[in-house]
Amino acid sequence: MTPCAFFPLEKTNLSRSKGAHGQELVYELAEYLPRRYPSSFRVTRFPNGVPAPSISGISLAWGQQQPVQTIEAVETGEKFDLRVLEGLEGVEMGEEAMRITAGLIQEDVALMIEGTDGKYYFQAGAICIPGFWRMRDKIGMALDDIHISGNVPRFKEKLQTSMEKFFKRMPVDKPVIRNNYFVQTCKPSSHVGDEARLDVEEECASEIDPEELGWSESTNGPEDTFSHGHGHAALPASYLAPSTLRLRSERQTLRRLPRTGAIVFGIRTYLFKIEELARERGVADRLGSAIRSWPDDVGIYKGRKMYGEVLLNYLDECAAGDREKDEGRGYPY
């Protein structure tokens, strides 16, 4: 997995960049984070009178202050000197900006940049936990090609035109938030209690990432042999059970940068154990109903055939138990 990348300009239809989009993102984060989380981040600023970084003559600071020079994450002690970006350009600046971004926030980040043809291109990214896709398959692609090649249901018929218009018209002051959800399987732990299994001689991927947050091997097969656009290709898991099923949800945000006009796509991923979710009264019934309501093409896209029978049987049992407990009681409980 390549967590940070910036696509070379000569391979796209982009008319301007030289890494400035990534640079602007870093400076925006450096201004926002210490304001939102003052006990978690510390910054120093360029001294007055010293030439400070800007884009097209527009300062990279907020308000009348000088731009941030260094930013430190208090908990980790990691400190980033933003002056390093001034000595770089193009791909090198973009990749360094993405590395700094990955060190400051938990979200995965993709930068979408408008080309001379009016389309938006996936130009840069700091992607650490994609789960179901690989950045090397999509970096440099236009927005519509990303969705079409990924076999997103009904994209051409219902989403392509409206999404292109939305990206072109998106204002700076109106960020957008949405959530999606998938179901995935993860391998059972090779540890029983605190004791390691004797037949496990060395650390493996399932122990480094036991919930398969970074890459869902139980769902998509090995990352190195993954074929873009052909997800859910893993062999049936012998360990498929309610205890190994997870609900994967992404909190996705879109916002436009004010100087370069690039659109920042943020992805914050959460994993929930199905067994824990089903303990909340009413959830099992609602989740089962939602999964059954998926049209066939959506069910294929979300891999329902891999886990549907096991999951739905379990949710039905939990829902029946809820109804027994709540007999005579109305909703809300």
Protein backbone atom coordinates (compact mmCIF):
# COMPACT_ATOMS: atom_id res chain seq x y z
CA MET A 1 0.00 0.00 0.00
CA THR A 2 1.27 3.48 -0.91
CA PRO A 3 -0.28 5.82 1.70
CA CYS A 4 0.76 9.13 0.11
CA ALA A 5 0.92 10.07 -3.56
CA PHE A 6 0.78 13.05 -5.90
CA PHE A 7 0.12 12.38 -9.58
CA PRO A 8 2.47 13.98 -12.16
CA LEU A 9 0.83 16.90 -13.97
CA GLU A 10 2.01 15.89 -17.42
CA LYS A 11 -0.17 12.78 -17.21
CA THR A 12 -3.42 14.71 -16.65
CA ASN A 13 -5.40 17.55 -18.17
CA LEU A 14 -4.47 19.92 -15.34
CA SER A 15 -3.45 23.44 -16.23
CA ARG A 16 -2.04 24.54 -12.89
CA SER A 17 -0.78 23.04 -9.66
CA LYS A 18 2.96 22.54 -9.02
CA GLY A 19 1.91 21.04 -5.68
CA ALA A 20 0.15 24.21 -4.50
CA HIS A 21 -3.10 22.36 -3.75
CA GLY A 22 -1.38 20.08 -1.26
CA GLN A 23 0.52 23.03 0.20
CA GLU A 24 -2.71 24.95 0.77
CA LEU A 25 -4.32 21.95 2.47
CA VAL A 26 -1.43 21.70 4.95
CA TYR A 27 -1.62 25.39 5.85
CA GLU A 28 -5.40 25.23 6.23
CA LEU A 29 -5.01 22.31 8.65
CA ALA A 30 -2.27 24.13 10.52
CA GLU A 31 -4.64 27.06 11.08
CA TYR A 32 -7.71 25.00 11.93
CA LEU A 33 -6.37 22.27 14.21
CA PRO A 34 -4.93 24.44 17.04
CA ARG A 35 -8.13 26.51 17.04
CA ARG A 36 -10.38 23.46 17.26
CA TYR A 37 -8.10 21.40 19.53
CA PRO A 38 -5.92 23.95 21.41
CA SER A 39 -4.64 21.40 23.93
CA SER A 40 -3.57 18.95 21.21
CA PHE A 41 -1.66 21.16 18.77
CA ARG A 42 0.91 23.93 19.17
CA VAL A 43 2.11 26.24 16.41
CA THR A 44 4.77 28.88 15.79
CA ARG A 45 4.43 31.53 13.11
CA PHE A 46 6.72 33.27 10.68
CA PRO A 47 8.17 36.43 12.27
CA ASN A 48 6.79 39.77 11.12
CA GLY A 49 8.73 41.25 8.26
CA VAL A 50 9.93 37.89 6.99
CA PRO A 51 8.71 36.85 3.50
CA ALA A 52 5.99 34.34 4.17
CA PRO A 53 4.52 31.60 1.94
CA SER A 54 1.61 32.51 -0.29
CA ILE A 55 -0.24 31.25 -3.36
CA SER A 56 -0.64 33.71 -6.24
CA GLY A 57 0.22 36.48 -3.80
CA ILE A 58 -2.48 35.45 -1.31
CA SER A 59 -1.15 34.72 2.18
CA LEU A 60 -1.53 31.18 3.51
CA ALA A 61 -2.53 32.54 6.94
CA TRP A 62 -5.98 33.19 8.34
CA GLY A 63 -6.81 36.80 9.13
CA GLN A 64 -3.99 39.28 9.62
CA GLN A 65 -1.51 36.87 11.24
CA GLN A 66 1.65 35.52 9.72
CA PRO A 67 1.39 31.95 8.35
CA VAL A 68 2.18 28.96 10.55
CA GLN A 69 5.84 27.97 10.48
CA THR A 70 5.74 24.81 12.63
CA ILE A 71 2.95 22.69 14.05
CA GLU A 72 3.37 20.08 16.79
CA ALA A 73 1.04 17.27 17.78
CA VAL A 74 1.27 17.41 21.57
CA GLU A 75 0.38 13.79 22.30
CA THR A 76 2.99 12.31 19.98
CA GLY A 77 5.55 15.09 20.15
CA GLU A 78 5.82 15.00 16.35
CA LYS A 79 6.66 18.40 14.92
CA PHE A 80 6.32 19.51 11.31
CA ASP A 81 8.28 22.43 9.89
CA LEU A 82 6.21 23.74 7.01
CA ARG A 83 9.16 25.62 5.56
CA VAL A 84 10.26 22.33 4.00
CA LEU A 85 7.52 22.82 1.41
CA GLU A 86 9.06 26.06 0.19
CA GLY A 87 12.09 24.24 -1.20
CA LEU A 88 9.98 21.78 -3.19
CA GLU A 89 7.65 21.91 -6.16
CA GLY A 90 5.49 19.67 -8.29
CA VAL A 91 5.26 16.03 -7.29
CA GLU A 92 7.83 16.37 -4.48
CA MET A 93 5.91 19.21 -2.81
CA GLY A 94 2.61 17.39 -3.25
CA GLU A 95 3.86 14.15 -1.74
CA GLU A 96 5.49 15.92 1.21
CA ALA A 97 2.27 17.86 1.82
CA MET A 98 0.33 14.60 1.87
CA ARG A 99 2.81 13.06 4.32
CA ILE A 100 2.38 16.01 6.67
CA THR A 101 -1.40 15.77 6.32
CA ALA A 102 -1.33 12.08 7.25
CA GLY A 103 0.71 12.95 10.33
CA LEU A 104 -1.77 15.56 11.54
CA ILE A 105 -5.22 13.95 11.11
CA GLN A 106 -6.79 10.51 11.25
CA GLU A 107 -8.89 10.95 8.12
CA ASP A 108 -7.80 9.62 4.77
CA VAL A 109 -7.64 12.54 2.32
CA ALA A 110 -7.96 12.78 -1.45
CA LEU A 111 -7.50 15.99 -3.46
CA MET A 112 -9.73 16.46 -6.48
CA ILE A 113 -8.52 19.12 -8.94
CA GLU A 114 -10.32 20.57 -11.94
CA GLY A 115 -8.70 20.00 -15.32
CA THR A 116 -8.80 22.04 -18.49
CA ASP A 117 -11.59 19.77 -19.73
CA GLY A 118 -13.82 20.73 -16.80
CA LYS A 119 -13.53 17.32 -15.15
CA TYR A 120 -12.22 16.75 -11.63
CA TYR A 121 -9.20 14.49 -11.21
CA PHE A 122 -7.93 12.50 -8.22
CA GLN A 123 -4.57 14.25 -8.12
CA ALA A 124 -3.19 13.60 -4.63
CA GLY A 125 -3.94 11.50 -1.60
CA ALA A 126 -2.96 10.34 1.86
CA ILE A 127 -4.85 7.04 1.95
CA CYS A 128 -3.94 4.65 4.77
CA ILE A 129 -7.07 2.56 5.39
CA PRO A 130 -9.05 2.27 2.13
CA GLY A 131 -10.24 -1.24 2.95
CA PHE A 132 -11.82 -1.97 -0.42
CA TRP A 133 -9.70 -0.15 -3.03
CA ARG A 134 -6.10 0.71 -3.84
CA MET A 135 -4.88 4.24 -4.47
CA ARG A 136 -2.54 3.13 -7.23
CA ASP A 137 -5.55 1.97 -9.25
CA LYS A 138 -7.33 5.32 -9.07
CA ILE A 139 -4.74 8.09 -8.71
CA GLY A 140 -4.84 10.39 -11.74
CA MET A 141 -8.32 9.28 -12.81
CA ALA A 142 -11.25 11.59 -13.49
CA LEU A 143 -14.14 11.56 -11.03
CA ASP A 144 -16.52 9.79 -13.40
CA ASP A 145 -13.92 7.19 -14.42
CA ILE A 146 -13.30 6.35 -10.76
CA HIS A 147 -16.96 5.52 -10.23
CA ILE A 148 -17.52 3.79 -13.57
CA SER A 149 -14.43 1.58 -13.26
CA GLY A 150 -15.46 0.76 -9.68
CA ASN A 151 -18.85 -0.47 -10.93
CA VAL A 152 -20.84 1.92 -8.74
CA PRO A 153 -24.50 0.98 -9.33
CA ARG A 154 -26.49 3.33 -11.58
CA PHE A 155 -23.74 5.94 -11.65
CA LYS A 156 -24.10 6.71 -15.35
CA GLU A 157 -27.89 6.75 -15.26
CA LYS A 158 -28.48 8.72 -12.06
CA LEU A 159 -25.33 10.30 -10.65
CA GLN A 160 -22.75 11.24 -13.28
CA THR A 161 -24.23 14.47 -14.62
CA SER A 162 -25.45 15.77 -11.27
CA MET A 163 -22.14 14.97 -9.55
CA GLU A 164 -20.11 16.80 -12.18
CA LYS A 165 -22.34 19.87 -11.81
CA PHE A 166 -22.13 19.67 -8.03
CA PHE A 167 -18.33 19.64 -8.03
CA LYS A 168 -18.13 22.62 -10.39
CA ARG A 169 -20.58 24.70 -8.36
CA MET A 170 -19.51 23.75 -4.85
CA PRO A 171 -18.87 26.94 -2.81
CA VAL A 172 -16.04 27.42 -0.34
CA ASP A 173 -18.31 28.10 2.62
CA LYS A 174 -20.60 25.06 2.33
CA PRO A 175 -18.83 21.78 3.11
CA VAL A 176 -20.80 18.57 2.62
CA ILE A 177 -20.99 15.53 4.92
CA ARG A 178 -22.39 12.10 4.14
CA ASN A 179 -22.10 8.58 5.53
CA ASN A 180 -22.10 5.21 3.82
CA TYR A 181 -21.93 1.67 5.14
CA PHE A 182 -20.75 -1.77 4.09
CA VAL A 183 -20.48 -5.14 5.77
CA GLN A 184 -17.18 -6.99 5.89
CA THR A 185 -15.70 -10.09 7.46
CA CYS A 186 -12.51 -10.22 9.50
CA LYS A 187 -10.41 -13.18 10.50
CA PRO A 188 -10.82 -14.47 14.04
CA SER A 189 -7.96 -13.63 16.35
CA SER A 190 -5.11 -16.12 16.60
CA HIS A 191 -4.96 -15.35 20.30
CA VAL A 192 -7.06 -17.07 22.91
CA GLY A 193 -7.28 -14.80 25.90
CA ASP A 194 -3.74 -13.59 26.52
CA GLU A 195 -2.09 -16.72 25.15
CA ALA A 196 -0.73 -16.75 21.59
CA ARG A 197 -1.52 -19.82 19.53
CA LEU A 198 1.49 -22.09 19.34
CA ASP A 199 1.10 -22.67 15.60
CA VAL A 200 1.51 -18.96 14.82
CA GLU A 201 5.26 -18.49 14.58
CA GLU A 202 5.46 -14.91 13.34
CA GLU A 203 3.40 -11.78 13.18
CA CYS A 204 1.06 -11.78 10.20
CA ALA A 205 -1.20 -9.20 8.61
CA SER A 206 -4.20 -10.36 10.62
CA GLU A 207 -2.35 -9.54 13.85
CA ILE A 208 -1.07 -6.16 12.67
CA ASP A 209 -4.58 -5.21 11.51
CA PRO A 210 -6.91 -7.76 13.15
CA GLU A 211 -10.08 -5.89 12.16
CA GLU A 212 -8.94 -5.62 8.51
CA LEU A 213 -9.38 -1.86 8.64
CA GLY A 214 -6.53 -1.13 6.22
CA TRP A 215 -7.32 -3.90 3.76
CA SER A 216 -10.30 -6.27 3.88
CA GLU A 217 -8.53 -9.46 2.82
CA SER A 218 -11.40 -11.68 3.96
CA THR A 219 -13.66 -9.79 1.55
CA ASN A 220 -11.41 -8.84 -1.37
CA GLY A 221 -8.58 -11.37 -1.17
CA PRO A 222 -4.87 -10.41 -1.00
CA GLU A 223 -4.18 -6.76 -1.77
CA ASP A 224 -1.31 -7.51 -4.17
CA THR A 225 -3.51 -9.61 -6.45
CA PHE A 226 -6.62 -7.43 -6.24
CA SER A 227 -8.20 -6.58 -9.61
CA HIS A 228 -9.63 -3.06 -9.67
CA GLY A 229 -13.38 -3.05 -10.14
CA HIS A 230 -13.75 -6.67 -9.05
CA GLY A 231 -14.25 -6.51 -5.30
CA HIS A 232 -15.59 -9.25 -3.04
CA ALA A 233 -13.37 -11.74 -4.83
CA ALA A 234 -12.15 -13.67 -1.80
CA LEU A 235 -13.00 -17.33 -1.41
CA PRO A 236 -15.83 -18.08 1.04
CA ALA A 237 -14.50 -17.65 4.56
CA SER A 238 -14.67 -20.77 6.70
CA TYR A 239 -14.77 -18.50 9.75
CA LEU A 240 -17.85 -16.54 8.61
CA ALA A 241 -20.02 -16.04 11.70
CA PRO A 242 -21.78 -13.19 13.50
CA SER A 243 -18.66 -12.76 15.64
CA THR A 244 -16.48 -12.03 12.58
CA LEU A 245 -18.86 -9.63 10.84
CA ARG A 246 -18.32 -5.87 10.99
CA LEU A 247 -20.30 -2.84 9.87
CA ARG A 248 -17.89 -0.48 8.12
CA SER A 249 -19.04 3.12 7.88
CA GLU A 250 -17.28 6.08 6.30
CA ARG A 251 -17.96 9.67 7.30
CA GLN A 252 -17.14 11.45 4.06
CA THR A 253 -16.65 15.21 3.76
CA LEU A 254 -16.18 17.48 0.77
CA ARG A 255 -14.90 21.04 0.99
CA ARG A 256 -13.32 23.47 -1.46
CA LEU A 257 -9.99 25.16 -0.73
CA PRO A 258 -10.33 28.95 -1.09
CA ARG A 259 -7.10 29.75 -3.00
CA THR A 260 -6.54 26.90 -5.44
CA GLY A 261 -10.15 25.73 -5.73
CA ALA A 262 -9.20 22.09 -5.14
CA ILE A 263 -11.82 19.92 -3.44
CA VAL A 264 -10.70 18.01 -0.36
CA PHE A 265 -12.37 14.62 0.07
CA GLY A 266 -12.00 13.46 3.67
CA ILE A 267 -12.78 9.90 4.76
CA ARG A 268 -13.07 8.95 8.44
CA THR A 269 -13.66 5.20 8.77
CA TYR A 270 -15.39 3.42 11.66
CA LEU A 271 -15.78 -0.31 12.28
CA PHE A 272 -18.48 -1.75 14.52
CA LYS A 273 -18.93 -5.35 15.61
CA ILE A 274 -22.29 -6.63 14.42
CA GLU A 275 -22.83 -8.48 17.70
CA GLU A 276 -22.38 -5.24 19.65
CA LEU A 277 -24.67 -3.24 17.36
CA ALA A 278 -27.38 -5.89 17.59
CA ARG A 279 -27.51 -5.51 21.38
CA GLU A 280 -29.04 -2.07 20.96
CA ARG A 281 -32.78 -2.46 20.97
CA GLY A 282 -34.35 -2.12 17.53
CA VAL A 283 -31.09 -2.02 15.57
CA ALA A 284 -31.17 -5.64 14.40
CA ASP A 285 -34.62 -5.25 12.87
CA ARG A 286 -33.77 -1.97 11.13
CA LEU A 287 -30.41 -3.18 9.81
CA GLY A 288 -31.91 -6.42 8.50
CA SER A 289 -34.67 -4.47 6.77
CA ALA A 290 -32.13 -2.11 5.18
CA ILE A 291 -30.00 -4.96 3.81
CA ARG A 292 -33.04 -6.75 2.39
CA SER A 293 -34.12 -3.51 0.69
CA TRP A 294 -30.98 -3.25 -1.43
CA PRO A 295 -31.74 -3.68 -5.16
CA ASP A 296 -29.86 -6.57 -6.77
CA ASP A 297 -27.14 -4.36 -8.27
CA VAL A 298 -26.54 -2.64 -4.93
CA GLY A 299 -26.44 -6.03 -3.21
CA ILE A 300 -23.77 -7.20 -5.67
CA TYR A 301 -21.77 -3.99 -5.16
CA LYS A 302 -21.90 -4.42 -1.37
CA GLY A 303 -21.08 -8.14 -1.51
CA ARG A 304 -24.30 -9.35 0.11
CA LYS A 305 -23.89 -12.88 -1.25
CA MET A 306 -20.76 -13.35 0.88
CA TYR A 307 -22.42 -12.80 4.25
CA GLY A 308 -26.15 -12.27 3.65
CA GLU A 309 -27.54 -15.58 4.89
CA VAL A 310 -25.47 -15.69 8.08
CA LEU A 311 -26.00 -12.02 8.86
CA LEU A 312 -29.72 -11.88 8.17
CA ASN A 313 -30.43 -15.06 10.16
CA TYR A 314 -28.56 -13.59 13.11
CA LEU A 315 -30.30 -10.22 12.85
CA ASP A 316 -33.70 -11.93 12.63
CA GLU A 317 -32.96 -13.89 15.82
CA CYS A 318 -31.91 -10.71 17.61
CA ALA A 319 -34.96 -8.84 16.33
CA ALA A 320 -37.25 -11.63 17.55
CA GLY A 321 -35.62 -11.41 20.96
CA ASP A 322 -36.19 -7.66 21.02
CA ARG A 323 -39.85 -8.11 20.22
CA GLU A 324 -40.27 -10.59 23.07
CA LYS A 325 -38.64 -8.18 25.52
CA ASP A 326 -40.62 -5.20 24.27
CA GLU A 327 -44.03 -6.82 24.01
CA GLY A 328 -46.57 -4.26 25.07
CA ARG A 329 -44.10 -1.37 24.86
CA GLY A 330 -44.13 1.24 22.13
CA TYR A 331 -41.34 3.04 20.34
CA PRO A 332 -39.38 4.99 21.45
CA TYR A 333 -38.51 2.62 24.26
